[in-house]
Amino acid sequence: MARDYKAEYAKYQGTPEQKKRRAMRNKARRHCIKKGLVKKGDGKDVHHRNGNPMDCNPKNLQAKKASSNRSFARTKSARKKNKTG
């Protein structure tokens, strides 16, 4: 059975909350491009230090390798582990 991508989008990615979060992530990336921290095709992501994509304060943004920014250590219940653990 083929996946219904349209239904999946409407259920999560298309919700007003997720649209707002995505817009803020895009805003953060544009800010970092303007500052010269990242550029198109460089393999870097914009990292939010406090984990909140709604916080686009320049002190909260940092350029990181995509491979290290997109994965975090998880507990058995799928929560993020502390930075020490």
PDB file of N, CA and C in Angstrom:
ATOM      1  N   MET A   1       0.839  -1.187   0.000  1.00  0.00           N
ATOM      2  CA  MET A   1       0.000   0.000   0.000  1.00  0.00           C
ATOM      3  C   MET A   1       0.884   1.251   0.000  1.00  0.00           C
ATOM      4  N   ALA A   2       0.581   2.177  -0.842  1.00  0.00           N
ATOM      5  CA  ALA A   2       1.363   3.406  -0.947  1.00  0.00           C
ATOM      6  C   ALA A   2       1.037   4.346   0.208  1.00  0.00           C
ATOM      7  N   ARG A   3       2.028   5.129   0.612  1.00  0.00           N
ATOM      8  CA  ARG A   3       1.825   6.109   1.682  1.00  0.00           C
ATOM      9  C   ARG A   3       1.000   7.281   1.173  1.00  0.00           C
ATOM     10  N   ASP A   4       0.179   7.806   2.037  1.00  0.00           N
ATOM     11  CA  ASP A   4      -0.619   8.977   1.702  1.00  0.00           C
ATOM     12  C   ASP A   4       0.096  10.207   2.275  1.00  0.00           C
ATOM     13  N   TYR A   5       1.015  10.758   1.500  1.00  0.00           N
ATOM     14  CA  TYR A   5       1.832  11.869   1.970  1.00  0.00           C
ATOM     15  C   TYR A   5       0.989  13.110   2.258  1.00  0.00           C
ATOM     16  N   LYS A   6      -0.051  13.299   1.479  1.00  0.00           N
ATOM     17  CA  LYS A   6      -0.931  14.458   1.679  1.00  0.00           C
ATOM     18  C   LYS A   6      -1.602  14.395   3.049  1.00  0.00           C
ATOM     19  N   ALA A   7      -2.061  13.209   3.430  1.00  0.00           N
ATOM     20  CA  ALA A   7      -2.702  13.038   4.737  1.00  0.00           C
ATOM     21  C   ALA A   7      -1.687  13.204   5.868  1.00  0.00           C
ATOM     22  N   GLU A   8      -0.472  12.689   5.672  1.00  0.00           N
ATOM     23  CA  GLU A   8       0.571  12.835   6.694  1.00  0.00           C
ATOM     24  C   GLU A   8       0.914  14.304   6.898  1.00  0.00           C
ATOM     25  N   TYR A   9       1.010  15.058   5.815  1.00  0.00           N
ATOM     26  CA  TYR A   9       1.316  16.477   5.916  1.00  0.00           C
ATOM     27  C   TYR A   9       0.219  17.210   6.685  1.00  0.00           C
ATOM     28  N   ALA A  10      -1.015  16.926   6.344  1.00  0.00           N
ATOM     29  CA  ALA A  10      -2.149  17.614   6.979  1.00  0.00           C
ATOM     30  C   ALA A  10      -2.214  17.300   8.472  1.00  0.00           C
ATOM     31  N   LYS A  11      -1.797  16.109   8.841  1.00  0.00           N
ATOM     32  CA  LYS A  11      -1.914  15.690  10.241  1.00  0.00           C
ATOM     33  C   LYS A  11      -0.864  16.323  11.147  1.00  0.00           C
ATOM     34  N   TYR A  12       0.343  16.557  10.649  1.00  0.00           N
ATOM     35  CA  TYR A  12       1.397  17.097  11.520  1.00  0.00           C
ATOM     36  C   TYR A  12       2.069  18.334  10.935  1.00  0.00           C
ATOM     37  N   GLN A  13       2.723  18.189   9.791  1.00  0.00           N
ATOM     38  CA  GLN A  13       3.497  19.296   9.229  1.00  0.00           C
ATOM     39  C   GLN A  13       2.627  20.471   8.814  1.00  0.00           C
ATOM     40  N   GLY A  14       1.383  20.221   8.494  1.00  0.00           N
ATOM     41  CA  GLY A  14       0.492  21.268   8.036  1.00  0.00           C
ATOM     42  C   GLY A  14      -0.260  21.987   9.138  1.00  0.00           C
ATOM     43  N   THR A  15      -0.032  21.608  10.393  1.00  0.00           N
ATOM     44  CA  THR A  15      -0.740  22.274  11.487  1.00  0.00           C
ATOM     45  C   THR A  15      -0.175  23.685  11.675  1.00  0.00           C
ATOM     46  N   PRO A  16      -0.995  24.622  12.122  1.00  0.00           N
ATOM     47  CA  PRO A  16      -0.516  26.003  12.300  1.00  0.00           C
ATOM     48  C   PRO A  16       0.710  26.101  13.206  1.00  0.00           C
ATOM     49  N   GLU A  17       0.772  25.293  14.250  1.00  0.00           N
ATOM     50  CA  GLU A  17       1.921  25.330  15.164  1.00  0.00           C
ATOM     51  C   GLU A  17       3.205  24.931  14.446  1.00  0.00           C
ATOM     52  N   GLN A  18       3.158  23.849  13.670  1.00  0.00           N
ATOM     53  CA  GLN A  18       4.353  23.378  12.977  1.00  0.00           C
ATOM     54  C   GLN A  18       4.762  24.320  11.857  1.00  0.00           C
ATOM     55  N   LYS A  19       3.796  24.960  11.205  1.00  0.00           N
ATOM     56  CA  LYS A  19       4.121  25.945  10.173  1.00  0.00           C
ATOM     57  C   LYS A  19       4.875  27.121  10.777  1.00  0.00           C
ATOM     58  N   LYS A  20       4.444  27.552  11.957  1.00  0.00           N
ATOM     59  CA  LYS A  20       5.093  28.673  12.640  1.00  0.00           C
ATOM     60  C   LYS A  20       6.522  28.288  13.052  1.00  0.00           C
ATOM     61  N   ARG A  21       6.702  27.067  13.575  1.00  0.00           N
ATOM     62  CA  ARG A  21       8.037  26.610  13.987  1.00  0.00           C
ATOM     63  C   ARG A  21       8.977  26.523  12.774  1.00  0.00           C
ATOM     64  N   ARG A  22       8.460  26.011  11.643  1.00  0.00           N
ATOM     65  CA  ARG A  22       9.268  25.914  10.429  1.00  0.00           C
ATOM     66  C   ARG A  22       9.653  27.300   9.921  1.00  0.00           C
ATOM     67  N   ALA A  23       8.712  28.236   9.993  1.00  0.00           N
ATOM     68  CA  ALA A  23       8.990  29.601   9.562  1.00  0.00           C
ATOM     69  C   ALA A  23      10.090  30.232  10.413  1.00  0.00           C
ATOM     70  N   MET A  24      10.082  29.965  11.703  1.00  0.00           N
ATOM     71  CA  MET A  24      11.109  30.513  12.594  1.00  0.00           C
ATOM     72  C   MET A  24      12.470  29.871  12.325  1.00  0.00           C
ATOM     73  N   ARG A  25      12.486  28.569  11.991  1.00  0.00           N
ATOM     74  CA  ARG A  25      13.749  27.915  11.635  1.00  0.00           C
ATOM     75  C   ARG A  25      14.320  28.538  10.362  1.00  0.00           C
ATOM     76  N   ASN A  26      13.447  28.790   9.389  1.00  0.00           N
ATOM     77  CA  ASN A  26      13.882  29.416   8.139  1.00  0.00           C
ATOM     78  C   ASN A  26      14.406  30.824   8.402  1.00  0.00           C
ATOM     79  N   LYS A  27      13.755  31.551   9.300  1.00  0.00           N
ATOM     80  CA  LYS A  27      14.189  32.900   9.660  1.00  0.00           C
ATOM     81  C   LYS A  27      15.585  32.853  10.287  1.00  0.00           C
ATOM     82  N   ALA A  28      15.814  31.865  11.162  1.00  0.00           N
ATOM     83  CA  ALA A  28      17.114  31.721  11.810  1.00  0.00           C
ATOM     84  C   ALA A  28      18.196  31.432  10.771  1.00  0.00           C
ATOM     85  N   ARG A  29      17.873  30.585   9.798  1.00  0.00           N
ATOM     86  CA  ARG A  29      18.849  30.268   8.746  1.00  0.00           C
ATOM     87  C   ARG A  29      19.170  31.504   7.916  1.00  0.00           C
ATOM     88  N   ARG A  30      18.142  32.272   7.549  1.00  0.00           N
ATOM     89  CA  ARG A  30      18.373  33.505   6.783  1.00  0.00           C
ATOM     90  C   ARG A  30      19.271  34.466   7.558  1.00  0.00           C
ATOM     91  N   HIS A  31      19.056  34.541   8.860  1.00  0.00           N
ATOM     92  CA  HIS A  31      19.885  35.419   9.707  1.00  0.00           C
ATOM     93  C   HIS A  31      21.342  34.969   9.667  1.00  0.00           C
ATOM     94  N   CYS A  32      21.558  33.655   9.776  1.00  0.00           N
ATOM     95  CA  CYS A  32      22.926  33.133   9.777  1.00  0.00           C
ATOM     96  C   CYS A  32      23.587  33.269   8.403  1.00  0.00           C
ATOM     97  N   ILE A  33      22.812  33.176   7.347  1.00  0.00           N
ATOM     98  CA  ILE A  33      23.361  33.392   5.998  1.00  0.00           C
ATOM     99  C   ILE A  33      23.826  34.838   5.882  1.00  0.00           C
ATOM    100  N   LYS A  34      23.010  35.758   6.376  1.00  0.00           N
ATOM    101  CA  LYS A  34      23.342  37.173   6.317  1.00  0.00           C
ATOM    102  C   LYS A  34      24.610  37.482   7.114  1.00  0.00           C
ATOM    103  N   LYS A  35      24.792  36.788   8.249  1.00  0.00           N
ATOM    104  CA  LYS A  35      25.975  36.972   9.089  1.00  0.00           C
ATOM    105  C   LYS A  35      27.203  36.266   8.527  1.00  0.00           C
ATOM    106  N   GLY A  36      27.010  35.353   7.554  1.00  0.00           N
ATOM    107  CA  GLY A  36      28.129  34.627   6.958  1.00  0.00           C
ATOM    108  C   GLY A  36      28.501  33.355   7.691  1.00  0.00           C
ATOM    109  N   LEU A  37      27.647  32.898   8.608  1.00  0.00           N
ATOM    110  CA  LEU A  37      27.942  31.671   9.357  1.00  0.00           C
ATOM    111  C   LEU A  37      27.705  30.416   8.520  1.00  0.00           C
ATOM    112  N   VAL A  38      26.709  30.459   7.644  1.00  0.00           N
ATOM    113  CA  VAL A  38      26.394  29.326   6.786  1.00  0.00           C
ATOM    114  C   VAL A  38      26.145  29.837   5.372  1.00  0.00           C
ATOM    115  N   LYS A  39      26.226  28.917   4.415  1.00  0.00           N
ATOM    116  CA  LYS A  39      25.855  29.262   3.048  1.00  0.00           C
ATOM    117  C   LYS A  39      25.261  28.026   2.393  1.00  0.00           C
ATOM    118  N   LYS A  40      24.586  28.235   1.298  1.00  0.00           N
ATOM    119  CA  LYS A  40      23.901  27.158   0.607  1.00  0.00           C
ATOM    120  C   LYS A  40      24.887  26.074   0.182  1.00  0.00           C
ATOM    121  N   GLY A  41      24.564  24.825   0.509  1.00  0.00           N
ATOM    122  CA  GLY A  41      25.371  23.693   0.086  1.00  0.00           C
ATOM    123  C   GLY A  41      26.598  23.411   0.919  1.00  0.00           C
ATOM    124  N   ASP A  42      26.765  24.081   2.073  1.00  0.00           N
ATOM    125  CA  ASP A  42      27.971  23.864   2.876  1.00  0.00           C
ATOM    126  C   ASP A  42      27.837  22.705   3.869  1.00  0.00           C
ATOM    127  N   GLY A  43      26.667  22.067   3.931  1.00  0.00           N
ATOM    128  CA  GLY A  43      26.482  20.925   4.824  1.00  0.00           C
ATOM    129  C   GLY A  43      26.290  21.307   6.272  1.00  0.00           C
ATOM    130  N   LYS A  44      25.999  22.557   6.533  1.00  0.00           N
ATOM    131  CA  LYS A  44      25.817  23.018   7.917  1.00  0.00           C
ATOM    132  C   LYS A  44      24.340  23.268   8.208  1.00  0.00           C
ATOM    133  N   ASP A  45      23.985  23.083   9.465  1.00  0.00           N
ATOM    134  CA  ASP A  45      22.654  23.406   9.962  1.00  0.00           C
ATOM    135  C   ASP A  45      22.772  24.545  10.952  1.00  0.00           C
ATOM    136  N   VAL A  46      21.672  25.238  11.180  1.00  0.00           N
ATOM    137  CA  VAL A  46      21.639  26.267  12.217  1.00  0.00           C
ATOM    138  C   VAL A  46      21.114  25.602  13.476  1.00  0.00           C
ATOM    139  N   HIS A  47      21.927  25.592  14.503  1.00  0.00           N
ATOM    140  CA  HIS A  47      21.610  24.940  15.770  1.00  0.00           C
ATOM    141  C   HIS A  47      21.059  25.968  16.746  1.00  0.00           C
ATOM    142  N   HIS A  48      19.940  25.621  17.402  1.00  0.00           N
ATOM    143  CA  HIS A  48      19.386  26.457  18.465  1.00  0.00           C
ATOM    144  C   HIS A  48      19.917  25.885  19.779  1.00  0.00           C
ATOM    145  N   ARG A  49      20.732  26.628  20.464  1.00  0.00           N
ATOM    146  CA  ARG A  49      21.394  26.118  21.665  1.00  0.00           C
ATOM    147  C   ARG A  49      20.420  25.653  22.738  1.00  0.00           C
ATOM    148  N   ASN A  50      19.291  26.366  22.893  1.00  0.00           N
ATOM    149  CA  ASN A  50      18.335  25.968  23.926  1.00  0.00           C
ATOM    150  C   ASN A  50      17.292  24.991  23.394  1.00  0.00           C
ATOM    151  N   GLY A  51      17.389  24.588  22.129  1.00  0.00           N
ATOM    152  CA  GLY A  51      16.481  23.598  21.570  1.00  0.00           C
ATOM    153  C   GLY A  51      15.124  24.143  21.170  1.00  0.00           C
ATOM    154  N   ASN A  52      14.923  25.446  21.293  1.00  0.00           N
ATOM    155  CA  ASN A  52      13.636  26.054  20.990  1.00  0.00           C
ATOM    156  C   ASN A  52      13.718  26.771  19.642  1.00  0.00           C
ATOM    157  N   PRO A  53      13.070  26.237  18.586  1.00  0.00           N
ATOM    158  CA  PRO A  53      13.150  26.884  17.288  1.00  0.00           C
ATOM    159  C   PRO A  53      12.457  28.242  17.232  1.00  0.00           C
ATOM    160  N   MET A  54      11.634  28.540  18.224  1.00  0.00           N
ATOM    161  CA  MET A  54      10.943  29.833  18.253  1.00  0.00           C
ATOM    162  C   MET A  54      11.853  30.951  18.757  1.00  0.00           C
ATOM    163  N   ASP A  55      12.987  30.601  19.339  1.00  0.00           N
ATOM    164  CA  ASP A  55      13.925  31.576  19.886  1.00  0.00           C
ATOM    165  C   ASP A  55      15.009  31.874  18.855  1.00  0.00           C
ATOM    166  N   CYS A  56      14.852  32.972  18.129  1.00  0.00           N
ATOM    167  CA  CYS A  56      15.810  33.331  17.072  1.00  0.00           C
ATOM    168  C   CYS A  56      16.794  34.397  17.535  1.00  0.00           C
ATOM    169  N   ASN A  57      17.018  34.488  18.830  1.00  0.00           N
ATOM    170  CA  ASN A  57      18.009  35.399  19.371  1.00  0.00           C
ATOM    171  C   ASN A  57      19.379  35.001  18.813  1.00  0.00           C
ATOM    172  N   PRO A  58      20.141  35.932  18.247  1.00  0.00           N
ATOM    173  CA  PRO A  58      21.442  35.583  17.665  1.00  0.00           C
ATOM    174  C   PRO A  58      22.384  34.861  18.635  1.00  0.00           C
ATOM    175  N   LYS A  59      22.267  35.113  19.921  1.00  0.00           N
ATOM    176  CA  LYS A  59      23.118  34.421  20.895  1.00  0.00           C
ATOM    177  C   LYS A  59      22.713  32.962  21.047  1.00  0.00           C
ATOM    178  N   ASN A  60      21.501  32.613  20.604  1.00  0.00           N
ATOM    179  CA  ASN A  60      21.013  31.244  20.703  1.00  0.00           C
ATOM    180  C   ASN A  60      21.333  30.436  19.450  1.00  0.00           C
ATOM    181  N   LEU A  61      21.830  31.061  18.402  1.00  0.00           N
ATOM    182  CA  LEU A  61      22.079  30.387  17.132  1.00  0.00           C
ATOM    183  C   LEU A  61      23.554  30.064  16.936  1.00  0.00           C
ATOM    184  N   GLN A  62      23.807  28.930  16.304  1.00  0.00           N
ATOM    185  CA  GLN A  62      25.171  28.474  16.078  1.00  0.00           C
ATOM    186  C   GLN A  62      25.169  27.592  14.835  1.00  0.00           C
ATOM    187  N   ALA A  63      26.210  27.653  14.032  1.00  0.00           N
ATOM    188  CA  ALA A  63      26.332  26.791  12.857  1.00  0.00           C
ATOM    189  C   ALA A  63      26.994  25.487  13.276  1.00  0.00           C
ATOM    190  N   LYS A  64      26.401  24.353  12.866  1.00  0.00           N
ATOM    191  CA  LYS A  64      26.930  23.030  13.196  1.00  0.00           C
ATOM    192  C   LYS A  64      26.860  22.133  11.974  1.00  0.00           C
ATOM    193  N   LYS A  65      27.688  21.106  11.958  1.00  0.00           N
ATOM    194  CA  LYS A  65      27.598  20.112  10.900  1.00  0.00           C
ATOM    195  C   LYS A  65      26.211  19.466  10.974  1.00  0.00           C
ATOM    196  N   ALA A  66      25.604  19.223   9.839  1.00  0.00           N
ATOM    197  CA  ALA A  66      24.261  18.640   9.803  1.00  0.00           C
ATOM    198  C   ALA A  66      24.238  17.282  10.497  1.00  0.00           C
ATOM    199  N   SER A  67      25.297  16.490  10.327  1.00  0.00           N
ATOM    200  CA  SER A  67      25.326  15.154  10.915  1.00  0.00           C
ATOM    201  C   SER A  67      25.291  15.194  12.439  1.00  0.00           C
ATOM    202  N   SER A  68      25.883  16.214  13.036  1.00  0.00           N
ATOM    203  CA  SER A  68      25.883  16.282  14.501  1.00  0.00           C
ATOM    204  C   SER A  68      24.658  17.006  15.043  1.00  0.00           C
ATOM    205  N   ASN A  69      23.988  17.792  14.204  1.00  0.00           N
ATOM    206  CA  ASN A  69      22.830  18.555  14.673  1.00  0.00           C
ATOM    207  C   ASN A  69      21.524  17.769  14.583  1.00  0.00           C
ATOM    208  N   ARG A  70      21.471  16.762  13.741  1.00  0.00           N
ATOM    209  CA  ARG A  70      20.210  16.073  13.500  1.00  0.00           C
ATOM    210  C   ARG A  70      20.026  14.803  14.308  1.00  0.00           C
ATOM    211  N   SER A  71      20.911  14.515  15.201  1.00  0.00           N
ATOM    212  CA  SER A  71      20.794  13.299  15.991  1.00  0.00           C
ATOM    213  C   SER A  71      21.196  13.566  17.436  1.00  0.00           C
ATOM    214  N   PHE A  72      20.433  13.026  18.363  1.00  0.00           N
ATOM    215  CA  PHE A  72      20.724  13.181  19.781  1.00  0.00           C
ATOM    216  C   PHE A  72      20.605  11.826  20.459  1.00  0.00           C
ATOM    217  N   ALA A  73      21.387  11.607  21.497  1.00  0.00           N
ATOM    218  CA  ALA A  73      21.290  10.380  22.265  1.00  0.00           C
ATOM    219  C   ALA A  73      19.916  10.333  22.930  1.00  0.00           C
ATOM    220  N   ARG A  74      19.296   9.158  22.927  1.00  0.00           N
ATOM    221  CA  ARG A  74      17.942   9.006  23.460  1.00  0.00           C
ATOM    222  C   ARG A  74      17.906   7.977  24.584  1.00  0.00           C
ATOM    223  N   THR A  75      16.925   8.129  25.482  1.00  0.00           N
ATOM    224  CA  THR A  75      16.677   7.149  26.536  1.00  0.00           C
ATOM    225  C   THR A  75      15.756   6.064  25.982  1.00  0.00           C
ATOM    226  N   LYS A  76      15.436   5.050  26.780  1.00  0.00           N
ATOM    227  CA  LYS A  76      14.548   3.980  26.327  1.00  0.00           C
ATOM    228  C   LYS A  76      13.152   4.506  26.017  1.00  0.00           C
ATOM    229  N   SER A  77      12.753   5.576  26.693  1.00  0.00           N
ATOM    230  CA  SER A  77      11.426   6.155  26.441  1.00  0.00           C
ATOM    231  C   SER A  77      11.458   7.223  25.352  1.00  0.00           C
ATOM    232  N   ALA A  78      12.548   7.283  24.589  1.00  0.00           N
ATOM    233  CA  ALA A  78      12.738   8.181  23.438  1.00  0.00           C
ATOM    234  C   ALA A  78      12.902   9.646  23.826  1.00  0.00           C
ATOM    235  N   ARG A  79      13.212   9.940  25.067  1.00  0.00           N
ATOM    236  CA  ARG A  79      13.487  11.319  25.466  1.00  0.00           C
ATOM    237  C   ARG A  79      14.971  11.591  25.248  1.00  0.00           C
ATOM    238  N   LYS A  80      15.317  12.864  25.095  1.00  0.00           N
ATOM    239  CA  LYS A  80      16.720  13.222  24.930  1.00  0.00           C
ATOM    240  C   LYS A  80      17.469  12.986  26.225  1.00  0.00           C
ATOM    241  N   LYS A  81      18.672  12.412  26.099  1.00  0.00           N
ATOM    242  CA  LYS A  81      19.528  12.254  27.266  1.00  0.00           C
ATOM    243  C   LYS A  81      20.163  13.586  27.587  1.00  0.00           C
ATOM    244  N   ASN A  82      20.603  13.769  28.820  1.00  0.00           N
ATOM    245  CA  ASN A  82      21.319  14.990  29.195  1.00  0.00           C
ATOM    246  C   ASN A  82      22.631  15.040  28.452  1.00  0.00           C
ATOM    247  N   LYS A  83      23.202  16.244  28.340  1.00  0.00           N
ATOM    248  CA  LYS A  83      24.466  16.396  27.640  1.00  0.00           C
ATOM    249  C   LYS A  83      25.575  15.588  28.298  1.00  0.00           C
ATOM    250  N   THR A  84      25.445  15.343  29.609  1.00  0.00           N
ATOM    251  CA  THR A  84      26.468  14.587  30.316  1.00  0.00           C
ATOM    252  C   THR A  84      26.278  13.095  30.161  1.00  0.00           C
ATOM    253  N   GLY A  85      25.060  12.654  29.791  1.00  0.00           N
ATOM    254  CA  GLY A  85      24.789  11.224  29.767  1.00  0.00           C
ATOM    255  C   GLY A  85      24.450  10.619  28.492  1.00  0.00           C
TER     256      GLY A  85
END
